[in-house]
Amino acid sequence: MIAGARVMAETIAGVGPPDGRRSVLVVDDEPTIAEVVARYLDRAGYDSAIAGDGPEALRLAAELEPDLVVLDLMLPGIDGLEVLRRLRENGGPAVILLTAKGEQDDRITGLRSGADDYVVKPFSPKELVARVEAVLRRVHTPDEQAEVLTFDGLEIDARARRVRAAGSEVTLSQREFDLLCFLALHPGQTFSREQLLDRVWEPAFQGDTSTVTVHVRRLRAKIEPDPERPRFIQTVWGVGYRFEA
């Protein structure tokens, strides 16, 4: 596990390279953590870069245009949440937050601001690599999603990963898009929060069901004509959510 500057050696056997070589920016002000994470990512087949503070993270993100950013919340200069907000201004790369156990409110704020996943310190480097793979795997659109879905003013282009609501394009994080697309591909079916965690976040995700609630709230704010009276993403009380075509 990684905690502060303490690192326990761990094999990465079984962590395979991703499909194609992708880039990951690791942002942490503790050099030992950043270097170990970058080394594991390199061994797993990624191109990695390291930033030690908020301003450097934003500079490298603009220069390198990474596919994903592993972002610590506690950063000097510009804190992690502000870095996340700036990355999300124009869509930006996928983001996995690194948080401490006591930062639950910050994790929720991060998810609401567009983070795709989070990992709590201390963490296993192998688990983090698996999370990176899971998030980036969703960039590739499954064959079943290779179509444009249209519903009463809402248009979902699954191949291009673009969404238009009421004639205007809306910016979604990767996880928001995956959740919307999954629900839209199964109209009329009710899914529990646990099922959505399993199908959209995958079984390896260690979050709780409030993660789903946060993402649904964010989606409604972006795509619903009236988020307080949702047209598309319906709450099935005591069960979960259903997409109404």
C-alpha atoms as a PDB file:
ATOM      1  CA  MET A   1       0.000   0.000   0.000  1.00  0.00           C
ATOM      2  CA  ILE A   2       1.037   3.640  -0.400  1.00  0.00           C
ATOM      3  CA  ALA A   3       0.690   6.012   2.552  1.00  0.00           C
ATOM      4  CA  GLY A   4       2.707   9.221   2.623  1.00  0.00           C
ATOM      5  CA  ALA A   5       6.282   8.349   1.687  1.00  0.00           C
ATOM      6  CA  ARG A   6       5.933   4.743   2.839  1.00  0.00           C
ATOM      7  CA  VAL A   7       5.799   2.211   0.036  1.00  0.00           C
ATOM      8  CA  MET A   8       5.478  -1.539   0.285  1.00  0.00           C
ATOM      9  CA  ALA A   9       6.716  -3.512  -2.706  1.00  0.00           C
ATOM     10  CA  GLU A  10       3.999  -5.205  -4.655  1.00  0.00           C
ATOM     11  CA  THR A  11       4.081  -7.311  -7.804  1.00  0.00           C
ATOM     12  CA  ILE A  12       2.150  -6.113 -10.804  1.00  0.00           C
ATOM     13  CA  ALA A  13       1.741  -9.575 -12.231  1.00  0.00           C
ATOM     14  CA  GLY A  14      -1.654  -9.895 -13.807  1.00  0.00           C
ATOM     15  CA  VAL A  15      -1.967  -6.210 -14.700  1.00  0.00           C
ATOM     16  CA  GLY A  16      -1.889  -6.256 -18.468  1.00  0.00           C
ATOM     17  CA  PRO A  17      -1.171  -3.428 -20.875  1.00  0.00           C
ATOM     18  CA  PRO A  18      -4.105  -1.423 -22.217  1.00  0.00           C
ATOM     19  CA  ASP A  19      -5.356  -1.538 -25.794  1.00  0.00           C
ATOM     20  CA  GLY A  20      -2.970   0.880 -27.451  1.00  0.00           C
ATOM     21  CA  ARG A  21      -0.491   3.104 -25.691  1.00  0.00           C
ATOM     22  CA  ARG A  22      -2.120   5.922 -23.750  1.00  0.00           C
ATOM     23  CA  SER A  23      -0.833   8.740 -21.603  1.00  0.00           C
ATOM     24  CA  VAL A  24      -1.459   9.407 -17.910  1.00  0.00           C
ATOM     25  CA  LEU A  25      -0.483  12.500 -15.926  1.00  0.00           C
ATOM     26  CA  VAL A  26       0.189  11.751 -12.232  1.00  0.00           C
ATOM     27  CA  VAL A  27      -0.295  14.787  -9.975  1.00  0.00           C
ATOM     28  CA  ASP A  28       0.931  14.478  -6.380  1.00  0.00           C
ATOM     29  CA  ASP A  29       3.177  16.679  -4.252  1.00  0.00           C
ATOM     30  CA  GLU A  30       4.766  13.644  -2.576  1.00  0.00           C
ATOM     31  CA  PRO A  31       7.526  12.559  -4.998  1.00  0.00           C
ATOM     32  CA  THR A  32       7.658   8.970  -3.726  1.00  0.00           C
ATOM     33  CA  ILE A  33       3.972   8.394  -4.382  1.00  0.00           C
ATOM     34  CA  ALA A  34       4.095  10.026  -7.818  1.00  0.00           C
ATOM     35  CA  GLU A  35       7.195   8.098  -8.889  1.00  0.00           C
ATOM     36  CA  VAL A  36       5.863   4.730  -7.735  1.00  0.00           C
ATOM     37  CA  VAL A  37       2.515   5.273  -9.460  1.00  0.00           C
ATOM     38  CA  ALA A  38       4.256   6.408 -12.651  1.00  0.00           C
ATOM     39  CA  ARG A  39       6.525   3.359 -12.578  1.00  0.00           C
ATOM     40  CA  TYR A  40       3.570   0.980 -12.283  1.00  0.00           C
ATOM     41  CA  LEU A  41       1.790   2.764 -15.120  1.00  0.00           C
ATOM     42  CA  ASP A  42       4.907   2.565 -17.311  1.00  0.00           C
ATOM     43  CA  ARG A  43       5.184  -1.171 -16.666  1.00  0.00           C
ATOM     44  CA  ALA A  44       1.511  -1.605 -17.536  1.00  0.00           C
ATOM     45  CA  GLY A  45       2.101  -0.013 -20.947  1.00  0.00           C
ATOM     46  CA  TYR A  46       1.210   3.639 -20.412  1.00  0.00           C
ATOM     47  CA  ASP A  47       3.210   6.784 -21.089  1.00  0.00           C
ATOM     48  CA  SER A  48       3.317   8.665 -17.794  1.00  0.00           C
ATOM     49  CA  ALA A  49       4.304  12.157 -16.701  1.00  0.00           C
ATOM     50  CA  ILE A  50       4.490  13.693 -13.216  1.00  0.00           C
ATOM     51  CA  ALA A  51       3.424  17.062 -11.823  1.00  0.00           C
ATOM     52  CA  GLY A  52       4.110  18.128  -8.245  1.00  0.00           C
ATOM     53  CA  ASP A  53       1.637  20.977  -7.811  1.00  0.00           C
ATOM     54  CA  GLY A  54      -1.511  22.509  -9.273  1.00  0.00           C
ATOM     55  CA  PRO A  55       0.021  25.036 -11.684  1.00  0.00           C
ATOM     56  CA  GLU A  56       2.402  22.429 -13.110  1.00  0.00           C
ATOM     57  CA  ALA A  57      -0.498  19.993 -13.490  1.00  0.00           C
ATOM     58  CA  LEU A  58      -2.502  22.481 -15.553  1.00  0.00           C
ATOM     59  CA  ARG A  59       0.538  23.383 -17.654  1.00  0.00           C
ATOM     60  CA  LEU A  60       1.387  19.753 -18.437  1.00  0.00           C
ATOM     61  CA  ALA A  61      -2.257  18.854 -19.066  1.00  0.00           C
ATOM     62  CA  ALA A  62      -2.454  21.619 -21.688  1.00  0.00           C
ATOM     63  CA  GLU A  63       0.904  20.673 -23.205  1.00  0.00           C
ATOM     64  CA  LEU A  64       0.637  16.866 -23.201  1.00  0.00           C
ATOM     65  CA  GLU A  65      -3.154  16.430 -23.536  1.00  0.00           C
ATOM     66  CA  PRO A  66      -3.123  13.183 -21.498  1.00  0.00           C
ATOM     67  CA  ASP A  67      -5.891  10.620 -21.766  1.00  0.00           C
ATOM     68  CA  LEU A  68      -6.239  10.510 -17.981  1.00  0.00           C
ATOM     69  CA  VAL A  69      -5.074  12.453 -14.912  1.00  0.00           C
ATOM     70  CA  VAL A  70      -4.444  10.822 -11.531  1.00  0.00           C
ATOM     71  CA  LEU A  71      -5.037  13.835  -9.289  1.00  0.00           C
ATOM     72  CA  ASP A  72      -4.290  14.252  -5.592  1.00  0.00           C
ATOM     73  CA  LEU A  73      -6.712  16.603  -3.853  1.00  0.00           C
ATOM     74  CA  MET A  74      -4.168  18.129  -1.460  1.00  0.00           C
ATOM     75  CA  LEU A  75      -1.838  20.154  -3.669  1.00  0.00           C
ATOM     76  CA  PRO A  76       0.236  23.316  -3.186  1.00  0.00           C
ATOM     77  CA  GLY A  77      -0.354  26.348  -5.368  1.00  0.00           C
ATOM     78  CA  ILE A  78      -3.768  25.355  -6.707  1.00  0.00           C
ATOM     79  CA  ASP A  79      -5.678  22.627  -4.872  1.00  0.00           C
ATOM     80  CA  GLY A  80      -6.881  19.476  -6.586  1.00  0.00           C
ATOM     81  CA  LEU A  81     -10.548  20.468  -6.747  1.00  0.00           C
ATOM     82  CA  GLU A  82      -9.694  23.707  -8.541  1.00  0.00           C
ATOM     83  CA  VAL A  83      -7.416  21.809 -10.938  1.00  0.00           C
ATOM     84  CA  LEU A  84     -10.315  19.429 -11.604  1.00  0.00           C
ATOM     85  CA  ARG A  85     -12.724  22.289 -12.286  1.00  0.00           C
ATOM     86  CA  ARG A  86     -10.313  23.890 -14.762  1.00  0.00           C
ATOM     87  CA  LEU A  87      -9.692  20.579 -16.523  1.00  0.00           C
ATOM     88  CA  ARG A  88     -13.450  20.133 -16.850  1.00  0.00           C
ATOM     89  CA  GLU A  89     -14.097  23.573 -18.372  1.00  0.00           C
ATOM     90  CA  ASN A  90     -13.721  22.143 -21.879  1.00  0.00           C
ATOM     91  CA  GLY A  91     -14.448  18.497 -21.186  1.00  0.00           C
ATOM     92  CA  GLY A  92     -10.827  17.561 -20.565  1.00  0.00           C
ATOM     93  CA  PRO A  93      -9.281  14.156 -19.844  1.00  0.00           C
ATOM     94  CA  ALA A  94     -10.642  11.475 -17.557  1.00  0.00           C
ATOM     95  CA  VAL A  95      -9.762  12.103 -13.898  1.00  0.00           C
ATOM     96  CA  ILE A  96      -9.184   9.724 -10.987  1.00  0.00           C
ATOM     97  CA  LEU A  97      -8.898  11.478  -7.624  1.00  0.00           C
ATOM     98  CA  LEU A  98      -6.498  10.448  -4.877  1.00  0.00           C
ATOM     99  CA  THR A  99      -8.073  11.234  -1.505  1.00  0.00           C
ATOM    100  CA  ALA A 100      -7.442  10.624   2.178  1.00  0.00           C
ATOM    101  CA  LYS A 101      -9.872   8.604   4.282  1.00  0.00           C
ATOM    102  CA  GLY A 102     -11.278  11.709   5.990  1.00  0.00           C
ATOM    103  CA  GLU A 103     -11.995  13.628   2.761  1.00  0.00           C
ATOM    104  CA  GLN A 104     -15.477  12.278   2.046  1.00  0.00           C
ATOM    105  CA  ASP A 105     -16.974  15.723   1.416  1.00  0.00           C
ATOM    106  CA  ASP A 106     -14.168  16.505  -1.023  1.00  0.00           C
ATOM    107  CA  ARG A 107     -14.744  13.197  -2.816  1.00  0.00           C
ATOM    108  CA  ILE A 108     -18.426  14.029  -3.255  1.00  0.00           C
ATOM    109  CA  THR A 109     -17.533  17.527  -4.473  1.00  0.00           C
ATOM    110  CA  GLY A 110     -15.015  15.990  -6.859  1.00  0.00           C
ATOM    111  CA  LEU A 111     -17.580  13.602  -8.314  1.00  0.00           C
ATOM    112  CA  ARG A 112     -20.039  16.445  -8.730  1.00  0.00           C
ATOM    113  CA  SER A 113     -17.323  18.443 -10.492  1.00  0.00           C
ATOM    114  CA  GLY A 114     -16.759  15.692 -13.041  1.00  0.00           C
ATOM    115  CA  ALA A 115     -14.255  13.196 -11.604  1.00  0.00           C
ATOM    116  CA  ASP A 116     -14.645   9.734 -13.113  1.00  0.00           C
ATOM    117  CA  ASP A 117     -13.418   7.717 -10.127  1.00  0.00           C
ATOM    118  CA  TYR A 118     -11.514   8.020  -6.873  1.00  0.00           C
ATOM    119  CA  VAL A 119      -9.000   5.975  -4.890  1.00  0.00           C
ATOM    120  CA  VAL A 120      -8.540   6.381  -1.136  1.00  0.00           C
ATOM    121  CA  LYS A 121      -5.067   6.517   0.424  1.00  0.00           C
ATOM    122  CA  PRO A 122      -3.448   4.227   1.385  1.00  0.00           C
ATOM    123  CA  PHE A 123      -3.949   2.353  -1.877  1.00  0.00           C
ATOM    124  CA  SER A 124      -2.500  -0.471  -3.901  1.00  0.00           C
ATOM    125  CA  PRO A 125      -0.629   0.642  -7.051  1.00  0.00           C
ATOM    126  CA  LYS A 126      -1.978  -2.435  -8.818  1.00  0.00           C
ATOM    127  CA  GLU A 127      -5.540  -1.424  -7.965  1.00  0.00           C
ATOM    128  CA  LEU A 128      -4.900   2.081  -9.253  1.00  0.00           C
ATOM    129  CA  VAL A 129      -3.612   0.723 -12.568  1.00  0.00           C
ATOM    130  CA  ALA A 130      -6.761  -1.428 -12.808  1.00  0.00           C
ATOM    131  CA  ARG A 131      -8.902   1.654 -12.208  1.00  0.00           C
ATOM    132  CA  VAL A 132      -7.017   3.531 -14.924  1.00  0.00           C
ATOM    133  CA  GLU A 133      -7.607   0.652 -17.342  1.00  0.00           C
ATOM    134  CA  ALA A 134     -11.320   0.492 -16.455  1.00  0.00           C
ATOM    135  CA  VAL A 135     -11.885   4.216 -16.990  1.00  0.00           C
ATOM    136  CA  LEU A 136      -9.936   4.381 -20.259  1.00  0.00           C
ATOM    137  CA  ARG A 137     -11.564   1.238 -21.592  1.00  0.00           C
ATOM    138  CA  ARG A 138     -14.833   3.165 -21.715  1.00  0.00           C
ATOM    139  CA  VAL A 139     -13.379   5.577 -24.240  1.00  0.00           C
ATOM    140  CA  HIS A 140     -13.841   2.796 -26.785  1.00  0.00           C
ATOM    141  CA  THR A 141     -17.503   2.602 -27.642  1.00  0.00           C
ATOM    142  CA  PRO A 142     -18.892  -0.960 -27.487  1.00  0.00           C
ATOM    143  CA  ASP A 143     -20.465  -2.269 -30.666  1.00  0.00           C
ATOM    144  CA  GLU A 144     -23.917  -2.229 -29.070  1.00  0.00           C
ATOM    145  CA  GLN A 145     -23.556   1.546 -28.619  1.00  0.00           C
ATOM    146  CA  ALA A 146     -22.534   2.278 -32.234  1.00  0.00           C
ATOM    147  CA  GLU A 147     -25.628   4.353 -33.033  1.00  0.00           C
ATOM    148  CA  VAL A 148     -27.339   7.681 -32.438  1.00  0.00           C
ATOM    149  CA  LEU A 149     -30.170   7.535 -29.904  1.00  0.00           C
ATOM    150  CA  THR A 150     -32.854  10.236 -30.060  1.00  0.00           C
ATOM    151  CA  PHE A 151     -35.486  10.846 -27.400  1.00  0.00           C
ATOM    152  CA  ASP A 152     -37.798  13.886 -27.390  1.00  0.00           C
ATOM    153  CA  GLY A 153     -35.121  16.576 -27.692  1.00  0.00           C
ATOM    154  CA  LEU A 154     -32.277  14.466 -26.291  1.00  0.00           C
ATOM    155  CA  GLU A 155     -29.717  13.101 -28.754  1.00  0.00           C
ATOM    156  CA  ILE A 156     -26.969  10.658 -27.739  1.00  0.00           C
ATOM    157  CA  ASP A 157     -24.253   9.909 -30.280  1.00  0.00           C
ATOM    158  CA  ALA A 158     -22.662   6.850 -28.700  1.00  0.00           C
ATOM    159  CA  ARG A 159     -19.878   6.483 -31.250  1.00  0.00           C
ATOM    160  CA  ALA A 160     -18.746  10.113 -31.038  1.00  0.00           C
ATOM    161  CA  ARG A 161     -19.598  10.300 -27.315  1.00  0.00           C
ATOM    162  CA  ARG A 162     -21.555  13.529 -27.798  1.00  0.00           C
ATOM    163  CA  VAL A 163     -24.878  14.588 -26.300  1.00  0.00           C
ATOM    164  CA  ARG A 164     -27.293  17.322 -27.312  1.00  0.00           C
ATOM    165  CA  ALA A 165     -30.204  18.427 -25.148  1.00  0.00           C
ATOM    166  CA  ALA A 166     -32.864  20.861 -26.408  1.00  0.00           C
ATOM    167  CA  GLY A 167     -30.671  21.574 -29.439  1.00  0.00           C
ATOM    168  CA  SER A 168     -27.526  22.463 -27.479  1.00  0.00           C
ATOM    169  CA  GLU A 169     -24.463  20.290 -26.944  1.00  0.00           C
ATOM    170  CA  VAL A 170     -23.752  19.452 -23.319  1.00  0.00           C
ATOM    171  CA  THR A 171     -20.413  18.474 -21.823  1.00  0.00           C
ATOM    172  CA  LEU A 172     -20.398  15.236 -19.838  1.00  0.00           C
ATOM    173  CA  SER A 173     -17.597  13.483 -18.015  1.00  0.00           C
ATOM    174  CA  GLN A 174     -16.749  10.004 -19.236  1.00  0.00           C
ATOM    175  CA  ARG A 175     -18.604   8.413 -16.341  1.00  0.00           C
ATOM    176  CA  GLU A 176     -21.662  10.616 -16.808  1.00  0.00           C
ATOM    177  CA  PHE A 177     -21.781   9.674 -20.475  1.00  0.00           C
ATOM    178  CA  ASP A 178     -21.373   5.960 -19.725  1.00  0.00           C
ATOM    179  CA  LEU A 179     -24.207   6.054 -17.192  1.00  0.00           C
ATOM    180  CA  LEU A 180     -26.533   7.944 -19.532  1.00  0.00           C
ATOM    181  CA  CYS A 181     -25.724   5.709 -22.476  1.00  0.00           C
ATOM    182  CA  PHE A 182     -26.229   2.529 -20.453  1.00  0.00           C
ATOM    183  CA  LEU A 183     -29.633   3.666 -19.201  1.00  0.00           C
ATOM    184  CA  ALA A 184     -30.687   4.909 -22.647  1.00  0.00           C
ATOM    185  CA  LEU A 185     -29.750   1.573 -24.217  1.00  0.00           C
ATOM    186  CA  HIS A 186     -32.113  -0.150 -21.764  1.00  0.00           C
ATOM    187  CA  PRO A 187     -35.223   2.079 -21.812  1.00  0.00           C
ATOM    188  CA  GLY A 188     -37.999   1.105 -19.434  1.00  0.00           C
ATOM    189  CA  GLN A 189     -35.753  -1.174 -17.365  1.00  0.00           C
ATOM    190  CA  THR A 190     -35.223  -0.371 -13.698  1.00  0.00           C
ATOM    191  CA  PHE A 191     -31.735  -0.773 -12.286  1.00  0.00           C
ATOM    192  CA  SER A 192     -30.753  -0.598  -8.635  1.00  0.00           C
ATOM    193  CA  ARG A 193     -27.821   1.566  -7.613  1.00  0.00           C
ATOM    194  CA  GLU A 194     -25.849  -1.604  -6.894  1.00  0.00           C
ATOM    195  CA  GLN A 195     -26.542  -2.890 -10.412  1.00  0.00           C
ATOM    196  CA  LEU A 196     -25.447   0.410 -11.948  1.00  0.00           C
ATOM    197  CA  LEU A 197     -22.237   0.353  -9.934  1.00  0.00           C
ATOM    198  CA  ASP A 198     -21.602  -3.156 -11.230  1.00  0.00           C
ATOM    199  CA  ARG A 199     -22.491  -2.455 -14.875  1.00  0.00           C
ATOM    200  CA  VAL A 200     -21.148   1.072 -15.342  1.00  0.00           C
ATOM    201  CA  TRP A 201     -18.387   1.314 -12.733  1.00  0.00           C
ATOM    202  CA  GLU A 202     -17.529  -2.424 -12.929  1.00  0.00           C
ATOM    203  CA  PRO A 203     -17.225  -4.855  -9.986  1.00  0.00           C
ATOM    204  CA  ALA A 204     -13.729  -3.649  -9.051  1.00  0.00           C
ATOM    205  CA  PHE A 205     -15.075  -0.249  -8.037  1.00  0.00           C
ATOM    206  CA  GLN A 206     -14.975   0.147  -4.263  1.00  0.00           C
ATOM    207  CA  GLY A 207     -17.319   3.124  -3.945  1.00  0.00           C
ATOM    208  CA  ASP A 208     -20.738   3.230  -2.324  1.00  0.00           C
ATOM    209  CA  THR A 209     -24.127   3.702  -3.960  1.00  0.00           C
ATOM    210  CA  SER A 210     -24.122   7.442  -3.229  1.00  0.00           C
ATOM    211  CA  THR A 211     -21.722   7.687  -6.183  1.00  0.00           C
ATOM    212  CA  VAL A 212     -24.594   6.707  -8.490  1.00  0.00           C
ATOM    213  CA  THR A 213     -26.914   9.236  -6.839  1.00  0.00           C
ATOM    214  CA  VAL A 214     -24.378  12.021  -7.354  1.00  0.00           C
ATOM    215  CA  HIS A 215     -23.911  11.169 -11.040  1.00  0.00           C
ATOM    216  CA  VAL A 216     -27.664  10.984 -11.660  1.00  0.00           C
ATOM    217  CA  ARG A 217     -28.097  14.417 -10.055  1.00  0.00           C
ATOM    218  CA  ARG A 218     -25.362  15.841 -12.279  1.00  0.00           C
ATOM    219  CA  LEU A 219     -26.846  14.253 -15.390  1.00  0.00           C
ATOM    220  CA  ARG A 220     -30.299  15.645 -14.651  1.00  0.00           C
ATOM    221  CA  ALA A 221     -28.865  19.126 -14.225  1.00  0.00           C
ATOM    222  CA  LYS A 222     -27.299  18.885 -17.683  1.00  0.00           C
ATOM    223  CA  ILE A 223     -29.904  17.076 -19.814  1.00  0.00           C
ATOM    224  CA  GLU A 224     -33.313  17.511 -18.205  1.00  0.00           C
ATOM    225  CA  PRO A 225     -35.582  20.438 -19.147  1.00  0.00           C
ATOM    226  CA  ASP A 226     -36.563  20.556 -15.464  1.00  0.00           C
ATOM    227  CA  PRO A 227     -34.153  18.632 -13.193  1.00  0.00           C
ATOM    228  CA  GLU A 228     -36.670  18.790 -10.335  1.00  0.00           C
ATOM    229  CA  ARG A 229     -39.224  16.991 -12.513  1.00  0.00           C
ATOM    230  CA  PRO A 230     -37.037  14.717 -14.659  1.00  0.00           C
ATOM    231  CA  ARG A 231     -38.372  13.638 -18.027  1.00  0.00           C
ATOM    232  CA  PHE A 232     -35.752  11.015 -18.877  1.00  0.00           C
ATOM    233  CA  ILE A 233     -34.044   9.606 -15.778  1.00  0.00           C
ATOM    234  CA  GLN A 234     -36.833   8.546 -13.456  1.00  0.00           C
ATOM    235  CA  THR A 235     -36.397   7.568  -9.814  1.00  0.00           C
ATOM    236  CA  VAL A 236     -38.069   4.293  -8.885  1.00  0.00           C
ATOM    237  CA  TRP A 237     -38.463   4.800  -5.153  1.00  0.00           C
ATOM    238  CA  GLY A 238     -36.916   2.089  -3.034  1.00  0.00           C
ATOM    239  CA  VAL A 239     -35.311   0.466  -6.081  1.00  0.00           C
ATOM    240  CA  GLY A 240     -33.177   2.702  -8.295  1.00  0.00           C
ATOM    241  CA  TYR A 241     -33.518   4.440 -11.674  1.00  0.00           C
ATOM    242  CA  ARG A 242     -35.210   3.947 -15.036  1.00  0.00           C
ATOM    243  CA  PHE A 243     -34.769   5.705 -18.384  1.00  0.00           C
ATOM    244  CA  GLU A 244     -38.043   6.735 -20.001  1.00  0.00           C
ATOM    245  CA  ALA A 245     -37.815   6.762 -23.789  1.00  0.00           C
END
